[in-house]
PDB file of N, CA and C in Angstrom:
ATOM      1  N   MET A   1       0.771  -1.208   0.129  1.00  0.00           N
ATOM      2  CA  MET A   1      -0.088  -0.241   0.117  1.00  0.00           C
ATOM      3  C   MET A   1       0.512   1.225  -0.171  1.00  0.00           C
ATOM      4  N   LYS A   2       0.692   2.083  -1.084  1.00  0.00           N
ATOM      5  CA  LYS A   2       1.449   3.265  -1.048  1.00  0.00           C
ATOM      6  C   LYS A   2       0.681   4.198  -0.266  1.00  0.00           C
ATOM      7  N   GLN A   3       1.579   4.982   0.419  1.00  0.00           N
ATOM      8  CA  GLN A   3       1.060   6.275   1.125  1.00  0.00           C
ATOM      9  C   GLN A   3       1.536   7.668   0.250  1.00  0.00           C
ATOM     10  N   THR A   4       0.890   8.543   0.321  1.00  0.00           N
ATOM     11  CA  THR A   4       1.415   9.976  -0.137  1.00  0.00           C
ATOM     12  C   THR A   4       2.089  10.767   0.791  1.00  0.00           C
ATOM     13  N   ILE A   5       2.989  11.492   0.414  1.00  0.00           N
ATOM     14  CA  ILE A   5       3.652  12.159   1.396  1.00  0.00           C
ATOM     15  C   ILE A   5       2.750  13.245   2.373  1.00  0.00           C
ATOM     16  N   GLU A   6       1.541  13.425   1.912  1.00  0.00           N
ATOM     17  CA  GLU A   6       0.649  14.061   2.958  1.00  0.00           C
ATOM     18  C   GLU A   6       0.188  13.164   4.005  1.00  0.00           C
ATOM     19  N   GLN A   7      -0.313  11.885   3.633  1.00  0.00           N
ATOM     20  CA  GLN A   7      -0.365  11.037   4.353  1.00  0.00           C
ATOM     21  C   GLN A   7       0.479  10.350   5.636  1.00  0.00           C
ATOM     22  N   ARG A   8       1.744  10.688   5.011  1.00  0.00           N
ATOM     23  CA  ARG A   8       2.901  10.147   5.884  1.00  0.00           C
ATOM     24  C   ARG A   8       2.926  11.193   6.875  1.00  0.00           C
ATOM     25  N   LYS A   9       2.986  12.357   6.387  1.00  0.00           N
ATOM     26  CA  LYS A   9       2.951  13.833   7.482  1.00  0.00           C
ATOM     27  C   LYS A   9       1.739  13.675   8.360  1.00  0.00           C
ATOM     28  N   ASN A  10       0.683  13.428   7.968  1.00  0.00           N
ATOM     29  CA  ASN A  10      -0.652  13.248   9.066  1.00  0.00           C
ATOM     30  C   ASN A  10       0.045  12.010  10.205  1.00  0.00           C
ATOM     31  N   VAL A  11       0.284  11.031   9.660  1.00  0.00           N
ATOM     32  CA  VAL A  11       0.671   9.936  10.473  1.00  0.00           C
ATOM     33  C   VAL A  11       1.944  10.340  11.532  1.00  0.00           C
ATOM     34  N   ASP A  12       2.871  10.791  10.662  1.00  0.00           N
ATOM     35  CA  ASP A  12       4.017  11.370  12.033  1.00  0.00           C
ATOM     36  C   ASP A  12       3.285  12.315  12.789  1.00  0.00           C
ATOM     37  N   ILE A  13       2.662  13.311  12.390  1.00  0.00           N
ATOM     38  CA  ILE A  13       2.151  14.347  13.430  1.00  0.00           C
ATOM     39  C   ILE A  13       1.373  13.691  14.551  1.00  0.00           C
ATOM     40  N   GLN A  14       0.301  12.566  14.108  1.00  0.00           N
ATOM     41  CA  GLN A  14      -0.458  11.993  15.000  1.00  0.00           C
ATOM     42  C   GLN A  14       0.455  11.286  15.945  1.00  0.00           C
ATOM     43  N   THR A  15       1.531  10.473  15.588  1.00  0.00           N
ATOM     44  CA  THR A  15       2.409   9.852  16.451  1.00  0.00           C
ATOM     45  C   THR A  15       3.175  10.609  17.511  1.00  0.00           C
ATOM     46  N   VAL A  16       3.437  11.794  17.045  1.00  0.00           N
ATOM     47  CA  VAL A  16       4.278  12.723  18.110  1.00  0.00           C
ATOM     48  C   VAL A  16       3.333  12.966  18.982  1.00  0.00           C
ATOM     49  N   THR A  17       1.861  13.299  18.821  1.00  0.00           N
ATOM     50  CA  THR A  17       1.087  13.669  19.546  1.00  0.00           C
ATOM     51  C   THR A  17       0.649  12.770  20.559  1.00  0.00           C
ATOM     52  N   VAL A  18       0.703  11.591  20.261  1.00  0.00           N
ATOM     53  CA  VAL A  18       0.370  10.364  21.241  1.00  0.00           C
ATOM     54  C   VAL A  18       1.599  10.192  22.199  1.00  0.00           C
ATOM     55  N   VAL A  19       2.789  10.360  21.670  1.00  0.00           N
ATOM     56  CA  VAL A  19       3.849  10.056  22.400  1.00  0.00           C
ATOM     57  C   VAL A  19       3.893  11.225  23.599  1.00  0.00           C
ATOM     58  N   LYS A  20       3.631  12.551  23.243  1.00  0.00           N
ATOM     59  CA  LYS A  20       3.630  13.615  23.986  1.00  0.00           C
ATOM     60  C   LYS A  20       2.536  13.440  24.974  1.00  0.00           C
ATOM     61  N   ILE A  21       1.509  13.115  24.988  1.00  0.00           N
ATOM     62  CA  ILE A  21       0.490  13.293  25.848  1.00  0.00           C
ATOM     63  C   ILE A  21       0.263  12.087  26.817  1.00  0.00           C
ATOM     64  N   GLY A  22       1.279  11.006  26.635  1.00  0.00           N
ATOM     65  CA  GLY A  22       1.376   9.874  27.721  1.00  0.00           C
ATOM     66  C   GLY A  22       0.109   8.783  27.551  1.00  0.00           C
ATOM     67  N   THR A  23       0.048   7.824  27.748  1.00  0.00           N
ATOM     68  CA  THR A  23      -0.779   6.539  27.769  1.00  0.00           C
ATOM     69  C   THR A  23      -1.928   6.934  28.543  1.00  0.00           C
ATOM     70  N   LYS A  24      -1.871   6.999  29.732  1.00  0.00           N
ATOM     71  CA  LYS A  24      -3.072   7.617  30.672  1.00  0.00           C
ATOM     72  C   LYS A  24      -3.949   8.654  30.304  1.00  0.00           C
ATOM     73  N   ASP A  25      -3.600   9.667  29.716  1.00  0.00           N
ATOM     74  CA  ASP A  25      -4.101  10.700  29.112  1.00  0.00           C
ATOM     75  C   ASP A  25      -4.795  10.268  27.817  1.00  0.00           C
ATOM     76  N   LEU A  26      -4.111   9.264  27.048  1.00  0.00           N
ATOM     77  CA  LEU A  26      -4.706   8.981  25.620  1.00  0.00           C
ATOM     78  C   LEU A  26      -6.123   8.259  25.878  1.00  0.00           C
ATOM     79  N   VAL A  27      -5.880   7.265  26.884  1.00  0.00           N
ATOM     80  CA  VAL A  27      -6.916   6.358  27.323  1.00  0.00           C
ATOM     81  C   VAL A  27      -8.051   7.313  27.735  1.00  0.00           C
ATOM     82  N   ARG A  28      -7.884   8.218  28.701  1.00  0.00           N
ATOM     83  CA  ARG A  28      -8.838   8.983  29.035  1.00  0.00           C
ATOM     84  C   ARG A  28      -9.754   9.627  27.982  1.00  0.00           C
ATOM     85  N   TYR A  29      -8.601  10.369  27.298  1.00  0.00           N
ATOM     86  CA  TYR A  29      -9.339  11.125  26.054  1.00  0.00           C
ATOM     87  C   TYR A  29     -10.079  10.280  25.039  1.00  0.00           C
ATOM     88  N   SER A  30      -9.470   9.052  24.775  1.00  0.00           N
ATOM     89  CA  SER A  30     -10.096   8.170  23.880  1.00  0.00           C
ATOM     90  C   SER A  30     -11.668   7.695  24.394  1.00  0.00           C
ATOM     91  N   MET A  31     -11.584   7.465  25.643  1.00  0.00           N
ATOM     92  CA  MET A  31     -12.863   7.208  26.438  1.00  0.00           C
ATOM     93  C   MET A  31     -13.881   8.378  26.425  1.00  0.00           C
ATOM     94  N   GLN A  32     -13.338   9.502  26.755  1.00  0.00           N
ATOM     95  CA  GLN A  32     -14.605  10.668  26.457  1.00  0.00           C
ATOM     96  C   GLN A  32     -14.879  10.946  25.242  1.00  0.00           C
ATOM     97  N   LEU A  33     -13.973  10.671  24.294  1.00  0.00           N
ATOM     98  CA  LEU A  33     -14.450  10.899  22.621  1.00  0.00           C
ATOM     99  C   LEU A  33     -15.491   9.856  22.736  1.00  0.00           C
ATOM    100  N   ALA A  34     -15.314   8.759  22.954  1.00  0.00           N
ATOM    101  CA  ALA A  34     -15.954   7.454  22.589  1.00  0.00           C
ATOM    102  C   ALA A  34     -17.303   7.564  23.071  1.00  0.00           C
ATOM    103  N   MET A  35     -17.445   8.228  24.438  1.00  0.00           N
ATOM    104  CA  MET A  35     -18.798   8.630  25.011  1.00  0.00           C
ATOM    105  C   MET A  35     -19.525   9.841  24.158  1.00  0.00           C
ATOM    106  N   LEU A  36     -18.658  10.459  23.840  1.00  0.00           N
ATOM    107  CA  LEU A  36     -19.150  11.782  23.315  1.00  0.00           C
ATOM    108  C   LEU A  36     -19.798  11.552  21.966  1.00  0.00           C
ATOM    109  N   ASN A  37     -18.972  10.630  21.120  1.00  0.00           N
ATOM    110  CA  ASN A  37     -19.647   9.677  19.821  1.00  0.00           C
ATOM    111  C   ASN A  37     -20.863   9.136  20.058  1.00  0.00           C
ATOM    112  N   ARG A  38     -21.024   8.362  21.040  1.00  0.00           N
ATOM    113  CA  ARG A  38     -22.336   7.864  21.690  1.00  0.00           C
ATOM    114  C   ARG A  38     -23.373   8.856  21.720  1.00  0.00           C
ATOM    115  N   LEU A  39     -23.482   9.837  22.476  1.00  0.00           N
ATOM    116  CA  LEU A  39     -24.334  10.815  22.791  1.00  0.00           C
ATOM    117  C   LEU A  39     -24.726  11.383  21.303  1.00  0.00           C
ATOM    118  N   LEU A  40     -23.788  11.528  20.711  1.00  0.00           N
ATOM    119  CA  LEU A  40     -24.205  12.058  19.335  1.00  0.00           C
ATOM    120  C   LEU A  40     -24.863  11.326  18.328  1.00  0.00           C
ATOM    121  N   SER A  41     -24.610   9.807  18.316  1.00  0.00           N
ATOM    122  CA  SER A  41     -25.140   8.954  17.450  1.00  0.00           C
ATOM    123  C   SER A  41     -26.702   8.590  18.097  1.00  0.00           C
ATOM    124  N   HIS A  42     -26.704   8.844  19.231  1.00  0.00           N
ATOM    125  CA  HIS A  42     -28.127   8.680  19.929  1.00  0.00           C
ATOM    126  C   HIS A  42     -28.844  10.221  19.843  1.00  0.00           C
ATOM    127  N   LYS A  43     -28.161  11.157  19.307  1.00  0.00           N
ATOM    128  CA  LYS A  43     -29.006  12.340  19.174  1.00  0.00           C
ATOM    129  C   LYS A  43     -29.293  13.174  20.648  1.00  0.00           C
ATOM    130  N   LEU A  44     -28.583  12.860  21.625  1.00  0.00           N
ATOM    131  CA  LEU A  44     -28.608  13.364  22.919  1.00  0.00           C
ATOM    132  C   LEU A  44     -27.645  14.827  22.829  1.00  0.00           C
ATOM    133  N   VAL A  45     -27.068  15.088  21.788  1.00  0.00           N
ATOM    134  CA  VAL A  45     -26.374  16.183  21.642  1.00  0.00           C
ATOM    135  C   VAL A  45     -26.454  16.710  20.397  1.00  0.00           C
ATOM    136  N   THR A  46     -26.558  17.855  19.865  1.00  0.00           N
ATOM    137  CA  THR A  46     -26.529  18.330  18.547  1.00  0.00           C
ATOM    138  C   THR A  46     -24.968  18.201  17.969  1.00  0.00           C
ATOM    139  N   GLU A  47     -24.724  18.455  16.710  1.00  0.00           N
ATOM    140  CA  GLU A  47     -23.602  18.714  16.072  1.00  0.00           C
ATOM    141  C   GLU A  47     -22.956  19.771  16.695  1.00  0.00           C
ATOM    142  N   LYS A  48     -23.587  20.890  16.792  1.00  0.00           N
ATOM    143  CA  LYS A  48     -22.667  22.063  17.493  1.00  0.00           C
ATOM    144  C   LYS A  48     -22.468  22.011  18.879  1.00  0.00           C
ATOM    145  N   GLU A  49     -22.902  20.994  19.701  1.00  0.00           N
ATOM    146  CA  GLU A  49     -22.619  20.867  21.230  1.00  0.00           C
ATOM    147  C   GLU A  49     -21.531  19.716  20.878  1.00  0.00           C
ATOM    148  N   TYR A  50     -21.628  18.886  19.928  1.00  0.00           N
ATOM    149  CA  TYR A  50     -20.395  18.033  19.825  1.00  0.00           C
ATOM    150  C   TYR A  50     -19.366  18.608  19.295  1.00  0.00           C
ATOM    151  N   GLN A  51     -19.163  19.622  18.200  1.00  0.00           N
ATOM    152  CA  GLN A  51     -18.146  20.224  17.978  1.00  0.00           C
ATOM    153  C   GLN A  51     -17.466  21.103  19.172  1.00  0.00           C
ATOM    154  N   LYS A  52     -18.363  21.607  20.146  1.00  0.00           N
ATOM    155  CA  LYS A  52     -17.737  22.445  21.039  1.00  0.00           C
ATOM    156  C   LYS A  52     -16.876  21.484  22.095  1.00  0.00           C
ATOM    157  N   VAL A  53     -17.568  20.483  22.453  1.00  0.00           N
ATOM    158  CA  VAL A  53     -17.177  19.587  23.646  1.00  0.00           C
ATOM    159  C   VAL A  53     -15.912  18.929  22.789  1.00  0.00           C
ATOM    160  N   ASN A  54     -15.975  18.390  21.488  1.00  0.00           N
ATOM    161  CA  ASN A  54     -14.573  17.833  20.954  1.00  0.00           C
ATOM    162  C   ASN A  54     -13.604  18.683  20.812  1.00  0.00           C
ATOM    163  N   GLU A  55     -13.666  20.155  20.775  1.00  0.00           N
ATOM    164  CA  GLU A  55     -12.790  21.088  20.718  1.00  0.00           C
ATOM    165  C   GLU A  55     -12.171  21.309  22.212  1.00  0.00           C
ATOM    166  N   ARG A  56     -12.969  21.258  23.019  1.00  0.00           N
ATOM    167  CA  ARG A  56     -12.692  21.412  24.409  1.00  0.00           C
ATOM    168  C   ARG A  56     -11.952  20.224  24.956  1.00  0.00           C
ATOM    169  N   LEU A  57     -12.160  19.108  24.352  1.00  0.00           N
ATOM    170  CA  LEU A  57     -11.367  17.958  24.698  1.00  0.00           C
ATOM    171  C   LEU A  57      -9.993  17.898  24.335  1.00  0.00           C
ATOM    172  N   LYS A  58     -10.014  18.239  23.096  1.00  0.00           N
ATOM    173  CA  LYS A  58      -8.513  18.565  22.263  1.00  0.00           C
ATOM    174  C   LYS A  58      -7.628  19.475  23.089  1.00  0.00           C
ATOM    175  N   SER A  59      -8.327  20.362  23.388  1.00  0.00           N
ATOM    176  CA  SER A  59      -7.595  21.544  24.222  1.00  0.00           C
ATOM    177  C   SER A  59      -7.240  21.190  25.471  1.00  0.00           C
ATOM    178  N   ASP A  60      -8.073  20.416  26.182  1.00  0.00           N
ATOM    179  CA  ASP A  60      -7.446  19.881  27.614  1.00  0.00           C
ATOM    180  C   ASP A  60      -6.423  18.708  27.375  1.00  0.00           C
ATOM    181  N   TYR A  61      -6.517  17.949  26.383  1.00  0.00           N
ATOM    182  CA  TYR A  61      -5.504  16.854  26.319  1.00  0.00           C
ATOM    183  C   TYR A  61      -4.361  17.242  25.528  1.00  0.00           C
ATOM    184  N   GLY A  62      -4.568  18.505  24.713  1.00  0.00           N
ATOM    185  CA  GLY A  62      -3.200  18.962  24.197  1.00  0.00           C
ATOM    186  C   GLY A  62      -3.242  18.099  22.702  1.00  0.00           C
ATOM    187  N   ILE A  63      -4.590  17.686  22.153  1.00  0.00           N
ATOM    188  CA  ILE A  63      -4.523  17.137  20.934  1.00  0.00           C
ATOM    189  C   ILE A  63      -4.444  18.116  19.864  1.00  0.00           C
ATOM    190  N   ASN A  64      -3.464  18.045  18.623  1.00  0.00           N
ATOM    191  CA  ASN A  64      -3.171  18.787  17.605  1.00  0.00           C
ATOM    192  C   ASN A  64      -3.790  18.078  16.248  1.00  0.00           C
ATOM    193  N   SER A  65      -5.042  18.165  15.897  1.00  0.00           N
ATOM    194  CA  SER A  65      -5.080  17.511  14.656  1.00  0.00           C
ATOM    195  C   SER A  65      -5.314  18.574  13.678  1.00  0.00           C
ATOM    196  N   ALA A  66      -5.090  18.216  12.375  1.00  0.00           N
ATOM    197  CA  ALA A  66      -5.159  18.891  11.116  1.00  0.00           C
ATOM    198  C   ALA A  66      -6.773  19.011  10.890  1.00  0.00           C
TER     199      ALA A  66
END
């Protein structure tokens, strides 16, 4: 499977982020994001609320995504 240069950059950036935040924080972030996704899928939060909480989670855990 060939990857474009852009795809490789994205993988490298995500890998660096994972190492930077640590395993415990990554697990906590992942669990909170999973719960947030469930709330959205069950229509218990709006798309706007989802985006707001998602941005807050990223900020709290230092997640930088493109």
